Amino acid sequence: MVKREFTIDTGTEEIQTEGHAHKNVALKYLMKRRRSVLMTRSAVKVEKLFSELPTFIIVKGKQIAHKYKINWERMGINEFEGSRFVFTLNEIRD
């Protein structure tokens, strides 16, 4: 399967990337954002990064754009919980 070019629009920035499908591109981007929050040790910086996580994302291909609503949740409160920040990705149909 050939990778295609996509543009991720978060409302504040647009990112050029490659991938196979719209949803997979969105998941890969959100997992990177989640990882940056998980690997931060400073509690103040974690709160700042968590508040800046996108809640709405548009993945644009050459012809079709898919819109997704993201629901972020905090699961654990201990320092090294495995899935402290989980998200659900729901496609918005026009």
PDB file of N, CA and C in Angstrom:
ATOM      1  N   MET A   1       0.835  -1.174   0.000  1.00  0.00           N
ATOM      2  CA  MET A   1       0.000   0.000   0.000  1.00  0.00           C
ATOM      3  C   MET A   1       0.886   1.246   0.000  1.00  0.00           C
ATOM      4  N   VAL A   2       0.576   2.185  -0.832  1.00  0.00           N
ATOM      5  CA  VAL A   2       1.384   3.393  -1.003  1.00  0.00           C
ATOM      6  C   VAL A   2       0.942   4.459  -0.008  1.00  0.00           C
ATOM      7  N   LYS A   3       1.925   5.149   0.587  1.00  0.00           N
ATOM      8  CA  LYS A   3       1.605   6.257   1.489  1.00  0.00           C
ATOM      9  C   LYS A   3       1.177   7.468   0.674  1.00  0.00           C
ATOM     10  N   ARG A   4       0.190   8.180   1.218  1.00  0.00           N
ATOM     11  CA  ARG A   4      -0.312   9.386   0.570  1.00  0.00           C
ATOM     12  C   ARG A   4      -0.028  10.591   1.454  1.00  0.00           C
ATOM     13  N   GLU A   5      -0.131  11.770   0.867  1.00  0.00           N
ATOM     14  CA  GLU A   5       0.095  13.001   1.619  1.00  0.00           C
ATOM     15  C   GLU A   5      -1.198  13.474   2.260  1.00  0.00           C
ATOM     16  N   PHE A   6      -1.103  13.917   3.510  1.00  0.00           N
ATOM     17  CA  PHE A   6      -2.235  14.436   4.261  1.00  0.00           C
ATOM     18  C   PHE A   6      -1.824  15.730   4.944  1.00  0.00           C
ATOM     19  N   THR A   7      -2.811  16.552   5.256  1.00  0.00           N
ATOM     20  CA  THR A   7      -2.609  17.751   6.057  1.00  0.00           C
ATOM     21  C   THR A   7      -3.480  17.627   7.295  1.00  0.00           C
ATOM     22  N   ILE A   8      -2.873  17.784   8.458  1.00  0.00           N
ATOM     23  CA  ILE A   8      -3.596  17.736   9.728  1.00  0.00           C
ATOM     24  C   ILE A   8      -3.841  19.167  10.169  1.00  0.00           C
ATOM     25  N   ASP A   9      -5.109  19.527  10.354  1.00  0.00           N
ATOM     26  CA  ASP A   9      -5.488  20.875  10.785  1.00  0.00           C
ATOM     27  C   ASP A   9      -6.071  20.781  12.188  1.00  0.00           C
ATOM     28  N   THR A  10      -5.390  21.382  13.170  1.00  0.00           N
ATOM     29  CA  THR A  10      -5.856  21.351  14.554  1.00  0.00           C
ATOM     30  C   THR A  10      -6.558  22.633  14.958  1.00  0.00           C
ATOM     31  N   GLY A  11      -6.648  23.579  14.051  1.00  0.00           N
ATOM     32  CA  GLY A  11      -7.241  24.866  14.370  1.00  0.00           C
ATOM     33  C   GLY A  11      -6.185  25.910  14.665  1.00  0.00           C
ATOM     34  N   THR A  12      -5.083  25.502  15.275  1.00  0.00           N
ATOM     35  CA  THR A  12      -3.997  26.428  15.575  1.00  0.00           C
ATOM     36  C   THR A  12      -2.808  26.222  14.656  1.00  0.00           C
ATOM     37  N   GLU A  13      -2.692  25.040  14.059  1.00  0.00           N
ATOM     38  CA  GLU A  13      -1.575  24.750  13.169  1.00  0.00           C
ATOM     39  C   GLU A  13      -1.975  23.729  12.112  1.00  0.00           C
ATOM     40  N   GLU A  14      -1.234  23.726  11.015  1.00  0.00           N
ATOM     41  CA  GLU A  14      -1.424  22.742   9.960  1.00  0.00           C
ATOM     42  C   GLU A  14      -0.115  21.987   9.784  1.00  0.00           C
ATOM     43  N   ILE A  15      -0.198  20.659   9.761  1.00  0.00           N
ATOM     44  CA  ILE A  15       0.983  19.813   9.700  1.00  0.00           C
ATOM     45  C   ILE A  15       0.886  18.922   8.470  1.00  0.00           C
ATOM     46  N   GLN A  16       1.938  18.892   7.670  1.00  0.00           N
ATOM     47  CA  GLN A  16       2.012  18.012   6.511  1.00  0.00           C
ATOM     48  C   GLN A  16       2.573  16.670   6.968  1.00  0.00           C
ATOM     49  N   THR A  17       1.944  15.573   6.538  1.00  0.00           N
ATOM     50  CA  THR A  17       2.408  14.246   6.916  1.00  0.00           C
ATOM     51  C   THR A  17       2.036  13.237   5.838  1.00  0.00           C
ATOM     52  N   GLU A  18       2.482  12.018   5.997  1.00  0.00           N
ATOM     53  CA  GLU A  18       2.159  10.941   5.071  1.00  0.00           C
ATOM     54  C   GLU A  18       1.533   9.793   5.843  1.00  0.00           C
ATOM     55  N   GLY A  19       0.716   9.010   5.149  1.00  0.00           N
ATOM     56  CA  GLY A  19       0.090   7.863   5.783  1.00  0.00           C
ATOM     57  C   GLY A  19      -0.756   7.106   4.797  1.00  0.00           C
ATOM     58  N   HIS A  20      -1.482   6.117   5.305  1.00  0.00           N
ATOM     59  CA  HIS A  20      -2.300   5.258   4.455  1.00  0.00           C
ATOM     60  C   HIS A  20      -3.770   5.656   4.465  1.00  0.00           C
ATOM     61  N   ALA A  21      -4.307   6.009   5.624  1.00  0.00           N
ATOM     62  CA  ALA A  21      -5.726   6.334   5.747  1.00  0.00           C
ATOM     63  C   ALA A  21      -5.887   7.527   6.684  1.00  0.00           C
ATOM     64  N   HIS A  22      -7.006   8.229   6.543  1.00  0.00           N
ATOM     65  CA  HIS A  22      -7.257   9.436   7.337  1.00  0.00           C
ATOM     66  C   HIS A  22      -7.210   9.145   8.837  1.00  0.00           C
ATOM     67  N   LYS A  23      -7.909   8.108   9.269  1.00  0.00           N
ATOM     68  CA  LYS A  23      -7.995   7.801  10.698  1.00  0.00           C
ATOM     69  C   LYS A  23      -6.635   7.383  11.260  1.00  0.00           C
ATOM     70  N   ASN A  24      -5.872   6.622  10.486  1.00  0.00           N
ATOM     71  CA  ASN A  24      -4.549   6.197  10.948  1.00  0.00           C
ATOM     72  C   ASN A  24      -3.604   7.379  11.115  1.00  0.00           C
ATOM     73  N   VAL A  25      -3.708   8.344  10.218  1.00  0.00           N
ATOM     74  CA  VAL A  25      -2.888   9.557  10.323  1.00  0.00           C
ATOM     75  C   VAL A  25      -3.259  10.324  11.583  1.00  0.00           C
ATOM     76  N   ALA A  26      -4.552  10.447  11.859  1.00  0.00           N
ATOM     77  CA  ALA A  26      -5.011  11.149  13.062  1.00  0.00           C
ATOM     78  C   ALA A  26      -4.535  10.433  14.327  1.00  0.00           C
ATOM     79  N   LEU A  27      -4.644   9.105  14.351  1.00  0.00           N
ATOM     80  CA  LEU A  27      -4.209   8.338  15.523  1.00  0.00           C
ATOM     81  C   LEU A  27      -2.713   8.493  15.779  1.00  0.00           C
ATOM     82  N   LYS A  28      -1.925   8.446  14.729  1.00  0.00           N
ATOM     83  CA  LYS A  28      -0.476   8.577  14.880  1.00  0.00           C
ATOM     84  C   LYS A  28      -0.118   9.947  15.453  1.00  0.00           C
ATOM     85  N   TYR A  29      -0.756  11.001  14.954  1.00  0.00           N
ATOM     86  CA  TYR A  29      -0.497  12.349  15.453  1.00  0.00           C
ATOM     87  C   TYR A  29      -0.902  12.477  16.928  1.00  0.00           C
ATOM     88  N   LEU A  30      -2.089  11.962  17.280  1.00  0.00           N
ATOM     89  CA  LEU A  30      -2.572  12.078  18.652  1.00  0.00           C
ATOM     90  C   LEU A  30      -1.734  11.251  19.625  1.00  0.00           C
ATOM     91  N   MET A  31      -1.228  10.105  19.184  1.00  0.00           N
ATOM     92  CA  MET A  31      -0.373   9.302  20.048  1.00  0.00           C
ATOM     93  C   MET A  31       0.949  10.023  20.323  1.00  0.00           C
ATOM     94  N   LYS A  32       1.473  10.759  19.343  1.00  0.00           N
ATOM     95  CA  LYS A  32       2.684  11.550  19.578  1.00  0.00           C
ATOM     96  C   LYS A  32       2.424  12.657  20.585  1.00  0.00           C
ATOM     97  N   ARG A  33       1.289  13.318  20.452  1.00  0.00           N
ATOM     98  CA  ARG A  33       0.935  14.382  21.408  1.00  0.00           C
ATOM     99  C   ARG A  33       0.757  13.798  22.812  1.00  0.00           C
ATOM    100  N   ARG A  34       0.116  12.637  22.913  1.00  0.00           N
ATOM    101  CA  ARG A  34      -0.106  11.974  24.198  1.00  0.00           C
ATOM    102  C   ARG A  34       1.232  11.588  24.824  1.00  0.00           C
ATOM    103  N   ARG A  35       2.140  11.075  24.005  1.00  0.00           N
ATOM    104  CA  ARG A  35       3.450  10.664  24.498  1.00  0.00           C
ATOM    105  C   ARG A  35       4.223  11.844  25.060  1.00  0.00           C
ATOM    106  N   SER A  36       4.102  13.017  24.441  1.00  0.00           N
ATOM    107  CA  SER A  36       4.812  14.188  24.950  1.00  0.00           C
ATOM    108  C   SER A  36       4.297  14.593  26.326  1.00  0.00           C
ATOM    109  N   VAL A  37       3.017  14.399  26.578  1.00  0.00           N
ATOM    110  CA  VAL A  37       2.456  14.696  27.906  1.00  0.00           C
ATOM    111  C   VAL A  37       2.909  13.649  28.915  1.00  0.00           C
ATOM    112  N   LEU A  38       2.919  12.381  28.518  1.00  0.00           N
ATOM    113  CA  LEU A  38       3.312  11.305  29.433  1.00  0.00           C
ATOM    114  C   LEU A  38       4.776  11.402  29.860  1.00  0.00           C
ATOM    115  N   MET A  39       5.649  11.833  28.965  1.00  0.00           N
ATOM    116  CA  MET A  39       7.078  11.852  29.256  1.00  0.00           C
ATOM    117  C   MET A  39       7.538  13.108  29.999  1.00  0.00           C
ATOM    118  N   THR A  40       6.658  14.050  30.228  1.00  0.00           N
ATOM    119  CA  THR A  40       7.000  15.280  30.935  1.00  0.00           C
ATOM    120  C   THR A  40       6.923  15.046  32.434  1.00  0.00           C
ATOM    121  N   ARG A  41       7.935  15.468  33.154  1.00  0.00           N
ATOM    122  CA  ARG A  41       7.987  15.234  34.596  1.00  0.00           C
ATOM    123  C   ARG A  41       7.392  16.384  35.419  1.00  0.00           C
ATOM    124  N   SER A  42       7.492  17.584  34.931  1.00  0.00           N
ATOM    125  CA  SER A  42       7.006  18.745  35.665  1.00  0.00           C
ATOM    126  C   SER A  42       5.472  18.765  35.662  1.00  0.00           C
ATOM    127  N   ALA A  43       4.869  18.823  36.837  1.00  0.00           N
ATOM    128  CA  ALA A  43       3.407  18.817  36.950  1.00  0.00           C
ATOM    129  C   ALA A  43       2.783  20.061  36.309  1.00  0.00           C
ATOM    130  N   VAL A  44       3.453  21.183  36.420  1.00  0.00           N
ATOM    131  CA  VAL A  44       2.944  22.423  35.828  1.00  0.00           C
ATOM    132  C   VAL A  44       2.951  22.312  34.303  1.00  0.00           C
ATOM    133  N   LYS A  45       4.035  21.779  33.773  1.00  0.00           N
ATOM    134  CA  LYS A  45       4.138  21.634  32.320  1.00  0.00           C
ATOM    135  C   LYS A  45       3.139  20.589  31.801  1.00  0.00           C
ATOM    136  N   VAL A  46       2.892  19.537  32.576  1.00  0.00           N
ATOM    137  CA  VAL A  46       1.900  18.524  32.191  1.00  0.00           C
ATOM    138  C   VAL A  46       0.522  19.159  32.096  1.00  0.00           C
ATOM    139  N   GLU A  47       0.168  19.986  33.063  1.00  0.00           N
ATOM    140  CA  GLU A  47      -1.135  20.666  33.033  1.00  0.00           C
ATOM    141  C   GLU A  47      -1.252  21.579  31.819  1.00  0.00           C
ATOM    142  N   LYS A  48      -0.177  22.284  31.506  1.00  0.00           N
ATOM    143  CA  LYS A  48      -0.181  23.170  30.346  1.00  0.00           C
ATOM    144  C   LYS A  48      -0.342  22.372  29.048  1.00  0.00           C
ATOM    145  N   LEU A  49       0.426  21.299  28.896  1.00  0.00           N
ATOM    146  CA  LEU A  49       0.342  20.467  27.690  1.00  0.00           C
ATOM    147  C   LEU A  49      -1.029  19.805  27.568  1.00  0.00           C
ATOM    148  N   PHE A  50      -1.581  19.338  28.688  1.00  0.00           N
ATOM    149  CA  PHE A  50      -2.888  18.686  28.663  1.00  0.00           C
ATOM    150  C   PHE A  50      -3.978  19.666  28.255  1.00  0.00           C
ATOM    151  N   SER A  51      -3.880  20.897  28.703  1.00  0.00           N
ATOM    152  CA  SER A  51      -4.890  21.897  28.340  1.00  0.00           C
ATOM    153  C   SER A  51      -4.792  22.297  26.870  1.00  0.00           C
ATOM    154  N   GLU A  52      -3.614  22.114  26.260  1.00  0.00           N
ATOM    155  CA  GLU A  52      -3.409  22.480  24.862  1.00  0.00           C
ATOM    156  C   GLU A  52      -3.676  21.333  23.888  1.00  0.00           C
ATOM    157  N   LEU A  53      -4.029  20.154  24.384  1.00  0.00           N
ATOM    158  CA  LEU A  53      -4.317  19.030  23.490  1.00  0.00           C
ATOM    159  C   LEU A  53      -5.540  19.356  22.634  1.00  0.00           C
ATOM    160  N   PRO A  54      -5.512  18.996  21.354  1.00  0.00           N
ATOM    161  CA  PRO A  54      -6.642  19.332  20.473  1.00  0.00           C
ATOM    162  C   PRO A  54      -7.892  18.523  20.805  1.00  0.00           C
ATOM    163  N   THR A  55      -9.056  19.159  20.688  1.00  0.00           N
ATOM    164  CA  THR A  55     -10.324  18.464  20.900  1.00  0.00           C
ATOM    165  C   THR A  55     -11.081  18.280  19.591  1.00  0.00           C
ATOM    166  N   PHE A  56     -10.555  18.857  18.532  1.00  0.00           N
ATOM    167  CA  PHE A  56     -11.170  18.773  17.212  1.00  0.00           C
ATOM    168  C   PHE A  56     -10.042  18.758  16.192  1.00  0.00           C
ATOM    169  N   ILE A  57     -10.106  17.861  15.210  1.00  0.00           N
ATOM    170  CA  ILE A  57      -9.032  17.730  14.234  1.00  0.00           C
ATOM    171  C   ILE A  57      -9.634  17.446  12.862  1.00  0.00           C
ATOM    172  N   ILE A  58      -9.013  17.992  11.833  1.00  0.00           N
ATOM    173  CA  ILE A  58      -9.422  17.735  10.444  1.00  0.00           C
ATOM    174  C   ILE A  58      -8.224  17.148   9.715  1.00  0.00           C
ATOM    175  N   VAL A  59      -8.417  15.992   9.095  1.00  0.00           N
ATOM    176  CA  VAL A  59      -7.365  15.365   8.298  1.00  0.00           C
ATOM    177  C   VAL A  59      -7.773  15.504   6.838  1.00  0.00           C
ATOM    178  N   LYS A  60      -6.985  16.277   6.096  1.00  0.00           N
ATOM    179  CA  LYS A  60      -7.303  16.567   4.702  1.00  0.00           C
ATOM    180  C   LYS A  60      -6.421  15.740   3.784  1.00  0.00           C
ATOM    181  N   GLY A  61      -7.062  15.035   2.852  1.00  0.00           N
ATOM    182  CA  GLY A  61      -6.345  14.351   1.789  1.00  0.00           C
ATOM    183  C   GLY A  61      -6.385  15.228   0.554  1.00  0.00           C
ATOM    184  N   LYS A  62      -6.093  14.665  -0.597  1.00  0.00           N
ATOM    185  CA  LYS A  62      -6.159  15.455  -1.832  1.00  0.00           C
ATOM    186  C   LYS A  62      -7.589  15.809  -2.191  1.00  0.00           C
ATOM    187  N   GLN A  63      -8.548  14.886  -1.960  1.00  0.00           N
ATOM    188  CA  GLN A  63      -9.925  15.121  -2.371  1.00  0.00           C
ATOM    189  C   GLN A  63     -10.913  15.153  -1.214  1.00  0.00           C
ATOM    190  N   ILE A  64     -10.640  14.412  -0.162  1.00  0.00           N
ATOM    191  CA  ILE A  64     -11.599  14.251   0.936  1.00  0.00           C
ATOM    192  C   ILE A  64     -10.971  14.720   2.245  1.00  0.00           C
ATOM    193  N   ALA A  65     -11.783  15.336   3.086  1.00  0.00           N
ATOM    194  CA  ALA A  65     -11.354  15.733   4.431  1.00  0.00           C
ATOM    195  C   ALA A  65     -12.254  15.031   5.446  1.00  0.00           C
ATOM    196  N   HIS A  66     -11.652  14.463   6.475  1.00  0.00           N
ATOM    197  CA  HIS A  66     -12.394  13.823   7.552  1.00  0.00           C
ATOM    198  C   HIS A  66     -12.237  14.659   8.813  1.00  0.00           C
ATOM    199  N   LYS A  67     -13.343  14.857   9.534  1.00  0.00           N
ATOM    200  CA  LYS A  67     -13.340  15.634  10.763  1.00  0.00           C
ATOM    201  C   LYS A  67     -13.527  14.681  11.938  1.00  0.00           C
ATOM    202  N   TYR A  68     -12.762  14.907  12.997  1.00  0.00           N
ATOM    203  CA  TYR A  68     -12.825  14.056  14.181  1.00  0.00           C
ATOM    204  C   TYR A  68     -12.951  14.910  15.437  1.00  0.00           C
ATOM    205  N   LYS A  69     -13.739  14.420  16.384  1.00  0.00           N
ATOM    206  CA  LYS A  69     -13.850  15.026  17.709  1.00  0.00           C
ATOM    207  C   LYS A  69     -13.082  14.127  18.665  1.00  0.00           C
ATOM    208  N   ILE A  70     -12.222  14.710  19.471  1.00  0.00           N
ATOM    209  CA  ILE A  70     -11.391  13.952  20.393  1.00  0.00           C
ATOM    210  C   ILE A  70     -11.824  14.241  21.818  1.00  0.00           C
ATOM    211  N   ASN A  71     -12.044  13.181  22.585  1.00  0.00           N
ATOM    212  CA  ASN A  71     -12.411  13.309  23.989  1.00  0.00           C
ATOM    213  C   ASN A  71     -11.241  12.787  24.823  1.00  0.00           C
ATOM    214  N   TRP A  72     -10.513  13.682  25.480  1.00  0.00           N
ATOM    215  CA  TRP A  72      -9.378  13.310  26.322  1.00  0.00           C
ATOM    216  C   TRP A  72      -9.857  13.046  27.740  1.00  0.00           C
ATOM    217  N   GLU A  73      -9.314  12.006  28.382  1.00  0.00           N
ATOM    218  CA  GLU A  73      -9.666  11.671  29.768  1.00  0.00           C
ATOM    219  C   GLU A  73      -8.402  11.350  30.546  1.00  0.00           C
ATOM    220  N   ARG A  74      -8.444  11.654  31.821  1.00  0.00           N
ATOM    221  CA  ARG A  74      -7.363  11.267  32.730  1.00  0.00           C
ATOM    222  C   ARG A  74      -7.792   9.998  33.453  1.00  0.00           C
ATOM    223  N   MET A  75      -6.938   9.006  33.427  1.00  0.00           N
ATOM    224  CA  MET A  75      -7.290   7.737  34.052  1.00  0.00           C
ATOM    225  C   MET A  75      -6.630   7.551  35.410  1.00  0.00           C
ATOM    226  N   GLY A  76      -5.336   7.733  35.493  1.00  0.00           N
ATOM    227  CA  GLY A  76      -4.626   7.479  36.743  1.00  0.00           C
ATOM    228  C   GLY A  76      -4.094   8.753  37.348  1.00  0.00           C
ATOM    229  N   ILE A  77      -3.775   8.681  38.627  1.00  0.00           N
ATOM    230  CA  ILE A  77      -3.237   9.863  39.294  1.00  0.00           C
ATOM    231  C   ILE A  77      -1.814   9.630  39.789  1.00  0.00           C
ATOM    232  N   ASN A  78      -1.359   8.382  39.777  1.00  0.00           N
ATOM    233  CA  ASN A  78       0.003   8.092  40.221  1.00  0.00           C
ATOM    234  C   ASN A  78       0.997   8.534  39.171  1.00  0.00           C
ATOM    235  N   GLU A  79       2.268   8.603  39.573  1.00  0.00           N
ATOM    236  CA  GLU A  79       3.288   9.164  38.691  1.00  0.00           C
ATOM    237  C   GLU A  79       3.518   8.331  37.428  1.00  0.00           C
ATOM    238  N   PHE A  80       3.533   7.018  37.537  1.00  0.00           N
ATOM    239  CA  PHE A  80       3.859   6.186  36.377  1.00  0.00           C
ATOM    240  C   PHE A  80       2.705   5.277  35.970  1.00  0.00           C
ATOM    241  N   GLU A  81       1.502   5.779  35.945  1.00  0.00           N
ATOM    242  CA  GLU A  81       0.373   5.021  35.413  1.00  0.00           C
ATOM    243  C   GLU A  81       0.594   4.837  33.919  1.00  0.00           C
ATOM    244  N   GLY A  82       0.309   3.661  33.405  1.00  0.00           N
ATOM    245  CA  GLY A  82       0.556   3.373  31.996  1.00  0.00           C
ATOM    246  C   GLY A  82      -0.293   4.194  31.044  1.00  0.00           C
ATOM    247  N   SER A  83      -1.571   4.306  31.303  1.00  0.00           N
ATOM    248  CA  SER A  83      -2.476   5.030  30.398  1.00  0.00           C
ATOM    249  C   SER A  83      -3.105   6.197  31.128  1.00  0.00           C
ATOM    250  N   ARG A  84      -2.311   7.133  31.570  1.00  0.00           N
ATOM    251  CA  ARG A  84      -2.874   8.261  32.307  1.00  0.00           C
ATOM    252  C   ARG A  84      -3.785   9.119  31.456  1.00  0.00           C
ATOM    253  N   PHE A  85      -3.436   9.303  30.202  1.00  0.00           N
ATOM    254  CA  PHE A  85      -4.202  10.171  29.321  1.00  0.00           C
ATOM    255  C   PHE A  85      -4.686   9.340  28.137  1.00  0.00           C
ATOM    256  N   VAL A  86      -5.968   9.021  28.145  1.00  0.00           N
ATOM    257  CA  VAL A  86      -6.540   8.236  27.049  1.00  0.00           C
ATOM    258  C   VAL A  86      -7.481   9.146  26.267  1.00  0.00           C
ATOM    259  N   PHE A  87      -7.745   8.746  25.020  1.00  0.00           N
ATOM    260  CA  PHE A  87      -8.640   9.551  24.200  1.00  0.00           C
ATOM    261  C   PHE A  87      -9.513   8.633  23.362  1.00  0.00           C
ATOM    262  N   THR A  88     -10.679   9.171  22.996  1.00  0.00           N
ATOM    263  CA  THR A  88     -11.552   8.505  22.045  1.00  0.00           C
ATOM    264  C   THR A  88     -11.669   9.406  20.826  1.00  0.00           C
ATOM    265  N   LEU A  89     -11.737   8.780  19.684  1.00  0.00           N
ATOM    266  CA  LEU A  89     -11.750   9.495  18.416  1.00  0.00           C
ATOM    267  C   LEU A  89     -13.061   9.183  17.722  1.00  0.00           C
ATOM    268  N   ASN A  90     -13.900  10.200  17.550  1.00  0.00           N
ATOM    269  CA  ASN A  90     -15.211  10.022  16.910  1.00  0.00           C
ATOM    270  C   ASN A  90     -15.267  10.852  15.641  1.00  0.00           C
ATOM    271  N   GLU A  91     -15.604  10.191  14.534  1.00  0.00           N
ATOM    272  CA  GLU A  91     -15.699  10.902  13.261  1.00  0.00           C
ATOM    273  C   GLU A  91     -16.998  11.689  13.216  1.00  0.00           C
ATOM    274  N   ILE A  92     -16.913  12.923  12.730  1.00  0.00           N
ATOM    275  CA  ILE A  92     -18.078  13.785  12.594  1.00  0.00           C
ATOM    276  C   ILE A  92     -18.546  13.704  11.145  1.00  0.00           C
ATOM    277  N   ARG A  93     -19.774  13.277  10.962  1.00  0.00           N
ATOM    278  CA  ARG A  93     -20.352  13.194   9.620  1.00  0.00           C
ATOM    279  C   ARG A  93     -21.109  14.474   9.326  1.00  0.00           C
ATOM    280  N   ASP A  94     -20.869  15.037   8.160  1.00  0.00           N
ATOM    281  CA  ASP A  94     -21.575  16.272   7.778  1.00  0.00           C
ATOM    282  C   ASP A  94     -22.945  15.975   7.223  1.00  0.00           C
TER     283      ASP A  94
END
